[in-house]
N, C-alpha and C. Protein backbone atom coordinates (compact mmCIF):
# COMPACT_ATOMS: atom_id res chain seq x y z
N GLY A 1 -34.17 116.97 87.92
CA GLY A 1 -34.87 115.77 88.28
C GLY A 1 -34.10 114.95 89.29
N GLU A 2 -34.66 113.83 89.60
CA GLU A 2 -34.08 112.91 90.56
C GLU A 2 -32.89 112.19 89.94
N GLN A 3 -31.75 112.21 90.61
CA GLN A 3 -30.57 111.50 90.13
C GLN A 3 -30.42 110.24 90.97
N ILE A 4 -30.46 109.08 90.30
CA ILE A 4 -30.38 107.83 91.04
C ILE A 4 -29.04 107.13 90.88
N TYR A 5 -28.13 107.73 90.12
CA TYR A 5 -26.82 107.14 89.92
C TYR A 5 -25.80 108.25 89.80
N THR A 6 -24.72 108.13 90.53
CA THR A 6 -23.73 109.20 90.54
C THR A 6 -22.77 109.14 89.37
N GLY A 7 -22.65 108.00 88.72
CA GLY A 7 -21.81 107.89 87.54
C GLY A 7 -20.32 107.84 87.82
N LYS A 8 -19.90 107.43 89.01
CA LYS A 8 -18.46 107.34 89.27
C LYS A 8 -17.85 106.29 88.35
N ASN A 9 -16.67 106.59 87.86
CA ASN A 9 -16.00 105.70 86.92
C ASN A 9 -15.28 104.59 87.67
N VAL A 10 -15.68 103.36 87.39
CA VAL A 10 -15.07 102.20 88.05
C VAL A 10 -14.16 101.43 87.10
N TYR A 11 -13.98 101.95 85.90
CA TYR A 11 -13.23 101.22 84.88
C TYR A 11 -11.77 101.65 84.87
N PRO A 12 -10.85 100.68 84.77
CA PRO A 12 -9.43 101.00 84.80
C PRO A 12 -8.88 101.52 83.47
N HIS A 13 -9.67 101.45 82.41
CA HIS A 13 -9.20 101.87 81.09
C HIS A 13 -9.98 103.11 80.66
N ASN A 14 -9.29 104.02 79.96
CA ASN A 14 -9.92 105.30 79.62
C ASN A 14 -10.07 105.54 78.13
N SER A 15 -9.83 104.54 77.32
CA SER A 15 -10.05 104.70 75.88
C SER A 15 -10.62 103.41 75.32
N LEU A 16 -11.30 103.53 74.19
CA LEU A 16 -11.86 102.35 73.56
C LEU A 16 -10.75 101.40 73.11
N ALA A 17 -9.62 101.95 72.68
CA ALA A 17 -8.50 101.10 72.27
C ALA A 17 -8.01 100.24 73.44
N GLU A 18 -7.89 100.85 74.63
CA GLU A 18 -7.46 100.09 75.81
C GLU A 18 -8.48 99.02 76.18
N ILE A 19 -9.75 99.40 76.13
CA ILE A 19 -10.82 98.45 76.47
C ILE A 19 -10.86 97.31 75.45
N LYS A 20 -10.74 97.65 74.19
CA LYS A 20 -10.74 96.63 73.13
C LYS A 20 -9.60 95.64 73.34
N GLN A 21 -8.42 96.16 73.63
CA GLN A 21 -7.27 95.29 73.86
C GLN A 21 -7.52 94.38 75.07
N TYR A 22 -8.04 94.95 76.15
CA TYR A 22 -8.33 94.16 77.35
C TYR A 22 -9.36 93.07 77.04
N CYS A 23 -10.41 93.45 76.31
CA CYS A 23 -11.46 92.49 75.97
C CYS A 23 -10.92 91.37 75.08
N GLN A 24 -10.08 91.71 74.13
CA GLN A 24 -9.50 90.68 73.27
C GLN A 24 -8.60 89.74 74.06
N GLN A 25 -7.82 90.29 74.96
CA GLN A 25 -6.92 89.46 75.78
C GLN A 25 -7.69 88.54 76.72
N ASN A 26 -8.88 88.97 77.14
CA ASN A 26 -9.67 88.21 78.11
C ASN A 26 -10.92 87.57 77.50
N ASN A 27 -11.01 87.62 76.17
CA ASN A 27 -12.14 87.03 75.45
C ASN A 27 -13.49 87.52 76.00
N LEU A 28 -13.64 88.84 76.10
CA LEU A 28 -14.85 89.45 76.64
C LEU A 28 -15.54 90.29 75.59
N ARG A 29 -16.85 90.35 75.69
CA ARG A 29 -17.63 91.33 74.94
C ARG A 29 -17.68 92.59 75.80
N LEU A 30 -18.10 93.72 75.21
CA LEU A 30 -18.10 94.98 75.97
C LEU A 30 -18.99 94.90 77.20
N TRP A 31 -20.16 94.28 77.09
CA TRP A 31 -21.04 94.18 78.26
C TRP A 31 -20.40 93.33 79.35
N GLN A 32 -19.61 92.34 78.98
CA GLN A 32 -18.93 91.51 79.97
C GLN A 32 -17.83 92.30 80.68
N TYR A 33 -17.21 93.20 79.94
CA TYR A 33 -16.22 94.10 80.53
C TYR A 33 -16.90 94.95 81.62
N VAL A 34 -18.05 95.51 81.29
CA VAL A 34 -18.80 96.31 82.27
C VAL A 34 -19.12 95.47 83.49
N GLN A 35 -19.65 94.29 83.26
CA GLN A 35 -20.04 93.40 84.34
C GLN A 35 -18.85 93.05 85.24
N ARG A 36 -17.68 92.92 84.65
CA ARG A 36 -16.48 92.57 85.41
C ARG A 36 -16.11 93.66 86.42
N PHE A 37 -16.33 94.92 86.06
CA PHE A 37 -15.86 96.01 86.92
C PHE A 37 -16.96 96.69 87.73
N GLU A 38 -18.20 96.46 87.40
CA GLU A 38 -19.31 97.02 88.18
C GLU A 38 -19.63 96.09 89.34
N ASP A 39 -20.38 96.60 90.32
CA ASP A 39 -20.79 95.71 91.40
C ASP A 39 -21.99 94.87 90.94
N ASP A 40 -22.40 93.98 91.78
CA ASP A 40 -23.44 93.02 91.39
C ASP A 40 -24.83 93.65 91.27
N LYS A 41 -24.96 94.93 91.58
CA LYS A 41 -26.26 95.59 91.47
C LYS A 41 -26.50 96.21 90.09
N ILE A 42 -25.55 96.05 89.17
CA ILE A 42 -25.68 96.68 87.85
C ILE A 42 -26.92 96.18 87.11
N HIS A 43 -27.22 94.89 87.20
CA HIS A 43 -28.40 94.36 86.50
C HIS A 43 -29.68 94.94 87.08
N GLU A 44 -29.75 95.02 88.40
CA GLU A 44 -30.93 95.60 89.05
C GLU A 44 -31.09 97.07 88.67
N PHE A 45 -29.98 97.80 88.72
CA PHE A 45 -30.02 99.22 88.36
C PHE A 45 -30.47 99.41 86.92
N LEU A 46 -29.86 98.68 86.00
CA LEU A 46 -30.23 98.84 84.59
C LEU A 46 -31.62 98.31 84.30
N GLY A 47 -32.08 97.34 85.08
CA GLY A 47 -33.47 96.89 84.96
C GLY A 47 -34.43 98.03 85.29
N THR A 48 -34.10 98.79 86.32
CA THR A 48 -34.91 99.96 86.68
C THR A 48 -34.84 101.02 85.59
N VAL A 49 -33.65 101.27 85.07
CA VAL A 49 -33.48 102.23 83.97
C VAL A 49 -34.35 101.81 82.79
N TRP A 50 -34.30 100.53 82.42
CA TRP A 50 -35.07 100.02 81.29
C TRP A 50 -36.57 100.21 81.52
N LYS A 51 -37.03 99.93 82.73
CA LYS A 51 -38.46 100.11 83.03
C LYS A 51 -38.88 101.58 82.89
N PHE A 52 -38.04 102.51 83.37
CA PHE A 52 -38.34 103.94 83.22
C PHE A 52 -38.34 104.34 81.75
N MET A 53 -37.39 103.82 80.98
CA MET A 53 -37.34 104.12 79.55
C MET A 53 -38.63 103.65 78.86
N TYR A 54 -39.00 102.42 79.14
CA TYR A 54 -40.19 101.82 78.54
C TYR A 54 -41.44 102.62 78.92
N GLN A 55 -41.53 102.97 80.20
CA GLN A 55 -42.69 103.72 80.69
C GLN A 55 -42.76 105.11 80.09
N SER A 56 -41.62 105.75 79.88
CA SER A 56 -41.64 107.10 79.30
C SER A 56 -42.18 107.06 77.87
N ILE A 57 -41.92 105.97 77.15
CA ILE A 57 -42.50 105.82 75.81
C ILE A 57 -44.01 105.67 75.93
N ASP A 58 -44.46 104.77 76.80
CA ASP A 58 -45.91 104.58 76.99
C ASP A 58 -46.59 105.89 77.37
N ASP A 59 -46.00 106.60 78.32
CA ASP A 59 -46.60 107.85 78.77
C ASP A 59 -46.71 108.85 77.63
N GLY A 60 -45.67 108.96 76.83
CA GLY A 60 -45.69 109.89 75.69
C GLY A 60 -46.67 109.48 74.61
N LEU A 61 -46.79 108.17 74.36
CA LEU A 61 -47.72 107.69 73.32
C LEU A 61 -49.17 107.89 73.72
N ASN A 62 -49.44 107.95 75.00
CA ASN A 62 -50.81 108.06 75.48
C ASN A 62 -51.27 109.49 75.74
N LYS A 63 -50.50 110.45 75.26
CA LYS A 63 -50.89 111.85 75.44
C LYS A 63 -50.98 112.53 74.09
N GLU A 64 -51.94 113.42 73.99
CA GLU A 64 -52.11 114.22 72.78
C GLU A 64 -52.27 115.67 73.20
N GLY A 65 -52.33 116.54 72.22
CA GLY A 65 -52.53 117.96 72.50
C GLY A 65 -51.27 118.76 72.26
N VAL A 66 -51.24 119.92 72.88
CA VAL A 66 -50.14 120.87 72.69
C VAL A 66 -49.19 120.77 73.88
N LEU A 67 -47.91 120.79 73.58
CA LEU A 67 -46.90 120.77 74.65
C LEU A 67 -46.91 122.10 75.40
N PRO A 68 -46.57 122.08 76.68
CA PRO A 68 -46.51 123.33 77.43
C PRO A 68 -45.38 124.22 76.92
N GLY A 69 -45.47 125.50 77.21
CA GLY A 69 -44.39 126.41 76.87
C GLY A 69 -44.78 127.56 75.98
N GLY A 70 -45.99 127.56 75.47
CA GLY A 70 -46.45 128.72 74.72
C GLY A 70 -46.07 128.76 73.25
N LEU A 71 -45.35 127.77 72.74
CA LEU A 71 -44.96 127.78 71.33
C LEU A 71 -45.98 127.09 70.42
N GLY A 72 -46.95 126.43 71.02
CA GLY A 72 -47.98 125.77 70.23
C GLY A 72 -47.52 124.49 69.54
N VAL A 73 -46.49 123.85 70.07
CA VAL A 73 -45.99 122.61 69.46
C VAL A 73 -46.94 121.47 69.81
N VAL A 74 -47.44 120.82 68.77
CA VAL A 74 -48.40 119.73 68.94
C VAL A 74 -47.65 118.41 69.12
N ARG A 75 -48.11 117.61 70.07
CA ARG A 75 -47.54 116.27 70.26
C ARG A 75 -47.78 115.45 69.00
N ARG A 76 -46.78 114.67 68.59
CA ARG A 76 -46.88 113.88 67.36
C ARG A 76 -46.74 112.38 67.57
N ALA A 77 -46.23 111.95 68.70
CA ALA A 77 -45.90 110.54 68.90
C ALA A 77 -47.10 109.63 68.70
N SER A 78 -48.23 109.97 69.31
CA SER A 78 -49.40 109.09 69.21
C SER A 78 -49.91 109.00 67.77
N ALA A 79 -49.84 110.10 67.02
CA ALA A 79 -50.26 110.07 65.62
C ALA A 79 -49.29 109.23 64.79
N LEU A 80 -48.01 109.35 65.07
CA LEU A 80 -47.02 108.56 64.33
C LEU A 80 -47.24 107.06 64.51
N ILE A 81 -47.55 106.65 65.71
CA ILE A 81 -47.73 105.23 65.99
C ILE A 81 -49.05 104.72 65.42
N ARG A 82 -50.03 105.60 65.36
CA ARG A 82 -51.39 105.23 64.96
C ARG A 82 -51.62 105.30 63.46
N ASP A 83 -51.05 106.26 62.79
CA ASP A 83 -51.36 106.53 61.38
C ASP A 83 -50.56 105.63 60.45
N VAL A 84 -51.15 104.51 60.11
CA VAL A 84 -50.51 103.54 59.24
C VAL A 84 -50.76 103.91 57.78
N ASN A 85 -49.70 103.92 57.00
CA ASN A 85 -49.80 104.13 55.56
C ASN A 85 -49.64 102.76 54.91
N LEU A 86 -50.70 102.28 54.28
CA LEU A 86 -50.68 100.94 53.71
C LEU A 86 -49.66 100.78 52.59
N LYS A 87 -49.20 101.90 52.03
CA LYS A 87 -48.22 101.83 50.95
C LYS A 87 -46.78 101.94 51.44
N GLU A 88 -46.58 102.09 52.75
CA GLU A 88 -45.22 102.25 53.24
C GLU A 88 -44.47 100.92 53.18
N THR A 89 -43.18 101.01 52.94
CA THR A 89 -42.34 99.82 52.92
C THR A 89 -42.14 99.31 54.34
N GLU A 90 -41.64 98.11 54.46
CA GLU A 90 -41.35 97.56 55.78
C GLU A 90 -40.34 98.44 56.51
N GLN A 91 -39.33 98.91 55.78
CA GLN A 91 -38.32 99.78 56.39
C GLN A 91 -38.95 101.10 56.87
N SER A 92 -39.83 101.67 56.06
CA SER A 92 -40.50 102.91 56.46
C SER A 92 -41.37 102.68 57.68
N HIS A 93 -42.04 101.54 57.73
CA HIS A 93 -42.88 101.19 58.88
C HIS A 93 -42.01 101.11 60.15
N GLU A 94 -40.89 100.41 60.05
CA GLU A 94 -40.00 100.28 61.20
C GLU A 94 -39.44 101.63 61.63
N ASP A 95 -39.05 102.44 60.66
CA ASP A 95 -38.53 103.78 60.97
C ASP A 95 -39.58 104.62 61.68
N ARG A 96 -40.84 104.51 61.24
CA ARG A 96 -41.92 105.28 61.84
C ARG A 96 -42.15 104.86 63.29
N ILE A 97 -42.09 103.56 63.55
CA ILE A 97 -42.28 103.07 64.92
C ILE A 97 -41.17 103.59 65.83
N VAL A 98 -39.92 103.46 65.38
CA VAL A 98 -38.79 103.95 66.19
C VAL A 98 -38.91 105.46 66.41
N ALA A 99 -39.27 106.18 65.36
CA ALA A 99 -39.43 107.64 65.49
C ALA A 99 -40.54 107.98 66.49
N ALA A 100 -41.65 107.24 66.43
CA ALA A 100 -42.75 107.49 67.37
C ALA A 100 -42.29 107.28 68.81
N TYR A 101 -41.53 106.22 69.04
CA TYR A 101 -41.01 105.97 70.39
C TYR A 101 -40.09 107.11 70.84
N ALA A 102 -39.21 107.54 69.95
CA ALA A 102 -38.28 108.62 70.31
C ALA A 102 -39.04 109.93 70.54
N PHE A 103 -40.01 110.23 69.67
CA PHE A 103 -40.83 111.43 69.85
C PHE A 103 -41.55 111.37 71.19
N ALA A 104 -42.08 110.20 71.55
CA ALA A 104 -42.82 110.06 72.81
C ALA A 104 -41.97 110.48 74.00
N VAL A 105 -40.73 110.03 74.02
CA VAL A 105 -39.84 110.40 75.12
C VAL A 105 -39.49 111.88 75.05
N GLY A 106 -39.21 112.38 73.86
CA GLY A 106 -38.91 113.81 73.71
C GLY A 106 -40.06 114.68 74.18
N GLU A 107 -41.27 114.24 73.88
CA GLU A 107 -42.45 114.99 74.32
C GLU A 107 -42.63 114.91 75.83
N GLN A 108 -42.28 113.78 76.41
CA GLN A 108 -42.30 113.67 77.87
C GLN A 108 -41.28 114.63 78.49
N ASN A 109 -40.12 114.71 77.88
CA ASN A 109 -39.10 115.64 78.34
C ASN A 109 -39.62 117.08 78.26
N ALA A 110 -40.23 117.42 77.14
CA ALA A 110 -40.72 118.79 76.93
C ALA A 110 -41.85 119.16 77.87
N SER A 111 -42.54 118.15 78.41
CA SER A 111 -43.66 118.42 79.32
C SER A 111 -43.32 118.07 80.77
N ASN A 112 -42.02 118.01 81.07
CA ASN A 112 -41.55 117.71 82.42
C ASN A 112 -41.97 116.35 82.94
N GLY A 113 -42.14 115.39 82.02
CA GLY A 113 -42.43 114.02 82.42
C GLY A 113 -41.15 113.32 82.84
N LYS A 114 -41.30 112.12 83.38
CA LYS A 114 -40.14 111.36 83.83
C LYS A 114 -39.47 110.70 82.63
N ILE A 115 -38.16 110.94 82.49
CA ILE A 115 -37.36 110.34 81.43
C ILE A 115 -36.03 109.88 82.02
N VAL A 116 -35.30 109.12 81.24
CA VAL A 116 -33.93 108.75 81.61
C VAL A 116 -33.00 109.60 80.78
N THR A 117 -32.14 110.35 81.43
CA THR A 117 -31.17 111.20 80.74
C THR A 117 -30.01 110.32 80.30
N ALA A 118 -30.01 109.96 79.03
CA ALA A 118 -29.00 109.02 78.54
C ALA A 118 -28.58 109.37 77.12
N PRO A 119 -27.59 110.15 76.91
CA PRO A 119 -26.75 110.81 77.90
C PRO A 119 -27.25 112.20 78.28
N THR A 120 -28.15 112.78 77.47
CA THR A 120 -28.67 114.12 77.76
C THR A 120 -30.18 114.11 77.65
N CYS A 121 -30.82 115.14 78.16
CA CYS A 121 -32.28 115.24 78.01
C CYS A 121 -32.67 115.35 76.54
N GLY A 122 -31.90 116.10 75.78
CA GLY A 122 -32.22 116.31 74.37
C GLY A 122 -32.15 115.05 73.53
N SER A 123 -31.33 114.11 73.93
CA SER A 123 -31.21 112.86 73.18
C SER A 123 -31.82 111.68 73.92
N SER A 124 -32.65 111.97 74.90
CA SER A 124 -33.17 110.93 75.79
C SER A 124 -34.11 109.94 75.12
N GLY A 125 -34.57 110.22 73.93
CA GLY A 125 -35.47 109.29 73.25
C GLY A 125 -34.78 108.23 72.43
N VAL A 126 -33.51 108.42 72.12
CA VAL A 126 -32.82 107.53 71.18
C VAL A 126 -32.69 106.11 71.73
N LEU A 127 -32.05 105.95 72.87
CA LEU A 127 -31.86 104.60 73.41
C LEU A 127 -33.17 103.90 73.73
N PRO A 128 -34.12 104.55 74.41
CA PRO A 128 -35.38 103.85 74.66
C PRO A 128 -36.06 103.40 73.37
N ALA A 129 -36.04 104.24 72.35
CA ALA A 129 -36.70 103.91 71.09
C ALA A 129 -36.06 102.70 70.43
N VAL A 130 -34.76 102.71 70.34
CA VAL A 130 -34.04 101.60 69.68
C VAL A 130 -34.20 100.31 70.48
N PHE A 131 -34.05 100.38 71.79
CA PHE A 131 -34.15 99.17 72.59
C PHE A 131 -35.58 98.63 72.64
N ARG A 132 -36.57 99.51 72.72
CA ARG A 132 -37.95 99.00 72.72
C ARG A 132 -38.29 98.37 71.38
N PHE A 133 -37.85 98.99 70.29
CA PHE A 133 -38.09 98.40 68.98
C PHE A 133 -37.43 97.02 68.91
N ALA A 134 -36.20 96.92 69.39
CA ALA A 134 -35.49 95.63 69.38
C ALA A 134 -36.24 94.59 70.21
N ALA A 135 -36.77 95.00 71.35
CA ALA A 135 -37.50 94.08 72.21
C ALA A 135 -38.81 93.64 71.58
N GLU A 136 -39.58 94.59 71.08
CA GLU A 136 -40.92 94.27 70.60
C GLU A 136 -40.96 93.74 69.17
N GLN A 137 -40.12 94.27 68.31
CA GLN A 137 -40.19 93.90 66.90
C GLN A 137 -39.15 92.85 66.50
N LYS A 138 -38.07 92.75 67.24
CA LYS A 138 -37.00 91.81 66.90
C LYS A 138 -36.81 90.73 67.97
N ASN A 139 -37.69 90.75 68.97
CA ASN A 139 -37.73 89.72 70.03
C ASN A 139 -36.46 89.62 70.88
N TYR A 140 -35.81 90.76 71.13
CA TYR A 140 -34.68 90.76 72.06
C TYR A 140 -35.23 90.59 73.47
N ASP A 141 -34.64 89.70 74.25
CA ASP A 141 -35.12 89.52 75.61
C ASP A 141 -34.51 90.58 76.53
N GLU A 142 -35.00 90.63 77.76
CA GLU A 142 -34.56 91.69 78.68
C GLU A 142 -33.07 91.59 78.98
N THR A 143 -32.55 90.38 79.07
CA THR A 143 -31.11 90.23 79.32
C THR A 143 -30.30 90.86 78.21
N THR A 144 -30.70 90.65 76.97
CA THR A 144 -30.00 91.24 75.83
C THR A 144 -30.10 92.76 75.86
N ILE A 145 -31.28 93.27 76.22
CA ILE A 145 -31.46 94.72 76.34
C ILE A 145 -30.53 95.28 77.42
N LEU A 146 -30.44 94.60 78.55
CA LEU A 146 -29.57 95.07 79.63
C LEU A 146 -28.10 95.03 79.20
N HIS A 147 -27.73 94.03 78.43
CA HIS A 147 -26.36 93.99 77.89
C HIS A 147 -26.13 95.18 76.97
N GLY A 148 -27.13 95.52 76.17
CA GLY A 148 -27.03 96.70 75.31
C GLY A 148 -26.90 97.98 76.11
N LEU A 149 -27.65 98.07 77.20
CA LEU A 149 -27.54 99.25 78.06
C LEU A 149 -26.16 99.34 78.71
N MET A 150 -25.60 98.20 79.08
CA MET A 150 -24.24 98.21 79.64
C MET A 150 -23.26 98.75 78.61
N THR A 151 -23.38 98.26 77.39
CA THR A 151 -22.48 98.70 76.32
C THR A 151 -22.66 100.18 76.03
N ALA A 152 -23.91 100.62 75.92
CA ALA A 152 -24.18 102.03 75.66
C ALA A 152 -23.64 102.91 76.79
N GLY A 153 -23.82 102.47 78.02
CA GLY A 153 -23.31 103.23 79.16
C GLY A 153 -21.80 103.33 79.15
N LEU A 154 -21.14 102.23 78.81
CA LEU A 154 -19.68 102.25 78.72
C LEU A 154 -19.21 103.24 77.67
N LEU A 155 -19.84 103.21 76.50
CA LEU A 155 -19.46 104.15 75.44
C LEU A 155 -19.75 105.59 75.85
N GLY A 156 -20.86 105.80 76.55
CA GLY A 156 -21.17 107.14 77.05
C GLY A 156 -20.13 107.64 78.04
N ILE A 157 -19.67 106.76 78.91
CA ILE A 157 -18.63 107.14 79.87
C ILE A 157 -17.34 107.49 79.14
N LEU A 158 -17.01 106.73 78.09
CA LEU A 158 -15.80 107.04 77.31
C LEU A 158 -15.91 108.43 76.68
N VAL A 159 -17.08 108.75 76.15
CA VAL A 159 -17.27 110.08 75.55
C VAL A 159 -17.12 111.15 76.62
N LYS A 160 -17.78 110.96 77.77
CA LYS A 160 -17.69 111.95 78.83
C LYS A 160 -16.28 112.08 79.39
N THR A 161 -15.52 110.98 79.38
CA THR A 161 -14.14 110.99 79.87
C THR A 161 -13.21 111.71 78.91
N ASN A 162 -13.41 111.49 77.62
CA ASN A 162 -12.47 111.97 76.61
C ASN A 162 -12.96 113.16 75.81
N ALA A 163 -14.22 113.50 75.95
CA ALA A 163 -14.79 114.64 75.22
C ALA A 163 -15.89 115.23 76.09
N SER A 164 -17.08 115.38 75.54
CA SER A 164 -18.18 115.95 76.31
C SER A 164 -19.51 115.59 75.66
N VAL A 165 -20.55 115.52 76.46
CA VAL A 165 -21.91 115.42 75.95
C VAL A 165 -22.69 116.68 76.30
N SER A 166 -21.99 117.68 76.81
CA SER A 166 -22.63 118.90 77.28
C SER A 166 -22.73 119.95 76.17
N GLY A 167 -23.95 120.29 75.81
CA GLY A 167 -24.15 121.36 74.85
C GLY A 167 -23.66 122.69 75.38
N ALA A 168 -23.85 122.94 76.67
CA ALA A 168 -23.40 124.19 77.28
C ALA A 168 -21.88 124.29 77.28
N GLU A 169 -21.23 123.15 77.41
CA GLU A 169 -19.77 123.13 77.49
C GLU A 169 -19.11 123.17 76.11
N CYS A 170 -19.65 122.44 75.16
CA CYS A 170 -18.98 122.28 73.85
C CYS A 170 -19.87 122.58 72.66
N GLY A 171 -21.04 123.14 72.88
CA GLY A 171 -21.96 123.39 71.78
C GLY A 171 -22.92 122.22 71.63
N CYS A 172 -24.04 122.48 71.01
CA CYS A 172 -25.10 121.48 70.93
C CYS A 172 -24.73 120.26 70.10
N GLN A 173 -23.69 120.34 69.31
CA GLN A 173 -23.29 119.17 68.52
C GLN A 173 -22.17 118.40 69.21
N ALA A 174 -21.99 118.63 70.52
CA ALA A 174 -20.92 117.95 71.28
C ALA A 174 -21.12 116.45 71.24
């Protein structure tokens, strides 16, 4: 797919311990650490990322049928969001909504739809699902979501720097 960010590391610290120490010394939250070392386009970039994440959920929720590939896998996201069980607990309801959002993105991935690889295609539904749920159900504003994306991105870079997110490189549980 289209790569819109090269992912060059602009951070002077390479471990969470180093970053934590720096943040404590400078009274910063993790997102503020990111903001300190990124250029001023980080908000615009992550705003675009957030819009793509949000749209990939909408696209997945609005499609039904069988996924391409010949295995006969039926799309489930739209049914998950639609099929309300009146006896479900509030926690079960929330879990179902988050799962529907994640399934929607996974189904978009499986059908060659546009998704944000964060950090991998296989896990591309997790962040959009959690952040959209936070925005819609817990009233997180866009600024808070972007701060969350900054933090998630920083943690992802730490993993890629010190380990791997590549299933081909380290196995699917990397």
